Structure formats: C-alpha cells, structure tokens
C-alpha atoms as a PDB file:
ATOM      1  CA  MET A   1    -134.160   6.143  52.234  1.00  0.00           C
ATOM      2  CA  GLY A   2    -130.872   5.495  54.015  1.00  0.00           C
ATOM      3  CA  TRP A   3    -132.615   3.708  56.856  1.00  0.00           C
ATOM      4  CA  LEU A   4    -134.404   1.421  54.417  1.00  0.00           C
ATOM      5  CA  TYR A   5    -131.081   0.593  52.777  1.00  0.00           C
ATOM      6  CA  LEU A   6    -129.659  -0.148  56.213  1.00  0.00           C
ATOM      7  CA  LEU A   7    -132.531  -2.553  56.925  1.00  0.00           C
ATOM      8  CA  PHE A   8    -131.849  -4.342  53.624  1.00  0.00           C
ATOM      9  CA  ALA A   9    -128.152  -4.545  54.516  1.00  0.00           C
ATOM     10  CA  ILE A  10    -128.993  -6.094  57.894  1.00  0.00           C
ATOM     11  CA  ALA A  11    -131.382  -8.627  56.333  1.00  0.00           C
ATOM     12  CA  LEU A  12    -128.799  -9.613  53.727  1.00  0.00           C
ATOM     13  CA  GLU A  13    -126.098  -9.940  56.386  1.00  0.00           C
ATOM     14  CA  LEU A  14    -128.386 -12.285  58.318  1.00  0.00           C
ATOM     15  CA  PHE A  15    -128.981 -14.293  55.153  1.00  0.00           C
ATOM     16  CA  GLY A  16    -125.269 -14.449  54.341  1.00  0.00           C
ATOM     17  CA  THR A  17    -124.302 -15.522  57.847  1.00  0.00           C
ATOM     18  CA  SER A  18    -127.025 -18.179  57.952  1.00  0.00           C
ATOM     19  CA  MET A  19    -125.838 -19.494  54.586  1.00  0.00           C
ATOM     20  CA  MET A  20    -122.283 -19.564  55.938  1.00  0.00           C
ATOM     21  CA  LYS A  21    -123.439 -21.881  58.718  1.00  0.00           C
ATOM     22  CA  LEU A  22    -125.339 -24.069  56.243  1.00  0.00           C
ATOM     23  CA  SER A  23    -122.361 -24.169  53.842  1.00  0.00           C
ATOM     24  CA  ASN A  24    -120.545 -26.496  56.266  1.00  0.00           C
ATOM     25  CA  GLY A  25    -117.161 -24.849  55.828  1.00  0.00           C
ATOM     26  CA  LEU A  26    -117.851 -23.873  52.212  1.00  0.00           C
ATOM     27  CA  THR A  27    -118.359 -27.544  51.228  1.00  0.00           C
ATOM     28  CA  ASN A  28    -122.060 -27.230  50.227  1.00  0.00           C
ATOM     29  CA  LEU A  29    -122.289 -25.354  46.935  1.00  0.00           C
ATOM     30  CA  LEU A  30    -125.706 -23.654  47.096  1.00  0.00           C
ATOM     31  CA  PRO A  31    -125.328 -22.240  50.621  1.00  0.00           C
ATOM     32  CA  THR A  32    -121.800 -21.107  49.705  1.00  0.00           C
ATOM     33  CA  ILE A  33    -123.131 -19.228  46.669  1.00  0.00           C
ATOM     34  CA  GLY A  34    -125.915 -17.798  48.851  1.00  0.00           C
ATOM     35  CA  MET A  35    -123.368 -16.656  51.413  1.00  0.00           C
ATOM     36  CA  PHE A  36    -121.264 -14.768  48.872  1.00  0.00           C
ATOM     37  CA  ALA A  37    -124.332 -13.238  47.207  1.00  0.00           C
ATOM     38  CA  GLY A  38    -125.773 -12.203  50.566  1.00  0.00           C
ATOM     39  CA  TYR A  39    -122.567 -10.513  51.689  1.00  0.00           C
ATOM     40  CA  VAL A  40    -121.938  -8.719  48.397  1.00  0.00           C
ATOM     41  CA  LEU A  41    -125.486  -7.336  48.328  1.00  0.00           C
ATOM     42  CA  CYS A  42    -125.263  -6.524  52.040  1.00  0.00           C
ATOM     43  CA  PHE A  43    -122.275  -4.272  51.459  1.00  0.00           C
ATOM     44  CA  VAL A  44    -123.886  -2.705  48.407  1.00  0.00           C
ATOM     45  CA  PHE A  45    -126.887  -1.652  50.481  1.00  0.00           C
ATOM     46  CA  LEU A  46    -124.690  -0.621  53.418  1.00  0.00           C
ATOM     47  CA  SER A  47    -122.755   1.662  51.062  1.00  0.00           C
ATOM     48  CA  PHE A  48    -126.054   3.194  49.867  1.00  0.00           C
ATOM     49  CA  ALA A  49    -127.081   3.763  53.494  1.00  0.00           C
ATOM     50  CA  LEU A  50    -123.812   5.566  54.192  1.00  0.00           C
ATOM     51  CA  LYS A  51    -124.794   8.305  51.748  1.00  0.00           C
ATOM     52  CA  THR A  52    -127.264   9.696  54.301  1.00  0.00           C
ATOM     53  CA  ILE A  53    -126.433   8.067  57.655  1.00  0.00           C
ATOM     54  CA  GLU A  54    -123.264   8.805  59.607  1.00  0.00           C
ATOM     55  CA  MET A  55    -120.753   5.984  59.215  1.00  0.00           C
ATOM     56  CA  GLY A  56    -120.332   5.344  62.943  1.00  0.00           C
ATOM     57  CA  VAL A  57    -124.068   5.240  63.548  1.00  0.00           C
ATOM     58  CA  ALA A  58    -124.841   3.059  60.520  1.00  0.00           C
ATOM     59  CA  TYR A  59    -122.079   0.586  61.269  1.00  0.00           C
ATOM     60  CA  ALA A  60    -122.950   0.394  64.959  1.00  0.00           C
ATOM     61  CA  ILE A  61    -126.606  -0.293  64.192  1.00  0.00           C
ATOM     62  CA  TRP A  62    -125.783  -2.715  61.352  1.00  0.00           C
ATOM     63  CA  SER A  63    -123.391  -4.750  63.465  1.00  0.00           C
ATOM     64  CA  ALA A  64    -125.413  -4.706  66.691  1.00  0.00           C
ATOM     65  CA  VAL A  65    -128.784  -5.527  65.146  1.00  0.00           C
ATOM     66  CA  GLY A  66    -127.105  -8.177  63.011  1.00  0.00           C
ATOM     67  CA  LEU A  67    -125.435  -9.678  66.076  1.00  0.00           C
ATOM     68  CA  ILE A  68    -128.633  -9.755  68.112  1.00  0.00           C
ATOM     69  CA  LEU A  69    -130.712 -11.256  65.334  1.00  0.00           C
ATOM     70  CA  ILE A  70    -128.081 -13.792  64.245  1.00  0.00           C
ATOM     71  CA  ALA A  71    -127.720 -14.893  67.875  1.00  0.00           C
ATOM     72  CA  LEU A  72    -131.486 -15.446  67.983  1.00  0.00           C
ATOM     73  CA  ILE A  73    -131.377 -17.319  64.671  1.00  0.00           C
ATOM     74  CA  GLY A  74    -128.581 -19.487  66.068  1.00  0.00           C
ATOM     75  CA  ILE A  75    -130.565 -20.250  69.193  1.00  0.00           C
ATOM     76  CA  ILE A  76    -133.897 -20.892  67.444  1.00  0.00           C
ATOM     77  CA  PHE A  77    -132.869 -22.618  64.213  1.00  0.00           C
ATOM     78  CA  PHE A  78    -129.417 -24.065  64.947  1.00  0.00           C
ATOM     79  CA  HIS A  79    -130.075 -24.970  68.613  1.00  0.00           C
ATOM     80  CA  GLU A  80    -127.074 -23.052  69.904  1.00  0.00           C
ATOM     81  CA  SER A  81    -126.634 -22.575  73.631  1.00  0.00           C
ATOM     82  CA  VAL A  82    -128.005 -19.668  75.633  1.00  0.00           C
ATOM     83  CA  THR A  83    -125.702 -18.608  78.442  1.00  0.00           C
ATOM     84  CA  PHE A  84    -125.646 -15.670  80.810  1.00  0.00           C
ATOM     85  CA  PRO A  85    -122.265 -14.388  79.549  1.00  0.00           C
ATOM     86  CA  LYS A  86    -123.554 -14.480  75.954  1.00  0.00           C
ATOM     87  CA  LEU A  87    -126.711 -12.564  76.882  1.00  0.00           C
ATOM     88  CA  PHE A  88    -124.756 -10.102  79.013  1.00  0.00           C
ATOM     89  CA  GLY A  89    -122.314  -9.428  76.155  1.00  0.00           C
ATOM     90  CA  ILE A  90    -125.194  -8.782  73.770  1.00  0.00           C
ATOM     91  CA  LEU A  91    -126.761  -6.410  76.296  1.00  0.00           C
ATOM     92  CA  LEU A  92    -123.501  -4.466  76.539  1.00  0.00           C
ATOM     93  CA  ILE A  93    -123.409  -4.119  72.761  1.00  0.00           C
ATOM     94  CA  VAL A  94    -126.991  -2.846  72.713  1.00  0.00           C
ATOM     95  CA  ILE A  95    -126.116  -0.281  75.386  1.00  0.00           C
ATOM     96  CA  GLY A  96    -123.109   0.802  73.323  1.00  0.00           C
ATOM     97  CA  VAL A  97    -125.164   1.221  70.145  1.00  0.00           C
ATOM     98  CA  VAL A  98    -127.836   3.227  71.945  1.00  0.00           C
ATOM     99  CA  THR A  99    -125.104   5.441  73.386  1.00  0.00           C
ATOM    100  CA  VAL A 100    -123.563   6.000  69.934  1.00  0.00           C
ATOM    101  CA  LYS A 101    -126.966   6.820  68.405  1.00  0.00           C
ATOM    102  CA  LEU A 102    -127.917   9.222  71.188  1.00  0.00           C
ATOM    103  CA  SER A 103    -124.597  11.045  70.929  1.00  0.00           C
ATOM    104  CA  SER A 104    -124.868  11.641  67.191  1.00  0.00           C
END
C-alpha cells in the first residue's frame, strides 16, 4: 500500500506545482487554492508511504519522478525550453535514484 500512497503523493505534487505556475505568483485565486490543497494532500500521502517505505528511498523516488514529470509538463504544456544541460541534469538524478533504490 505504501507504493500506492507514494504514487498519489507524486501525482498531487505534480498538481500542486502546475497550479503554482498557473497561480501567476499567487495572484490567481483558484490555482493558488489548488496549489495549497495539492501540496497539503501530497505530504499527507507521502507521510502514509513512509510507514512502509524507507525514508531515503521514498523521498528519492518522490523527488526524482516528480522532477522528471514536472519537467515534461513544463515542456509540453508551458512550452519551456529543452536544453542538453537540463536533460543531462535530469539523467544524473535518475541515475542517483536508481543507485539509492538498488542499495536499499
């Protein structure tokens, strides 16, 4: 069940971060409310996941998967740039997360 909670936490983090972008510096009310709700629920589910998943593993996966997917959301929906250094940095994070998971 911990892995399911972790997936919910990742999805809610993606929602919260997307709402943060749409809030335009917290000046648009509905996206701002969505951002706060998304982050609060994200941490609720992350705390549930930590009952059965090691903290280092859960946090590494949560942050890395969130980073990869939010970068893709930024590129696809917000037309953000794709550069080699950005892709290389993401690749290094993925390698780090795989290393953490394999060592646990």
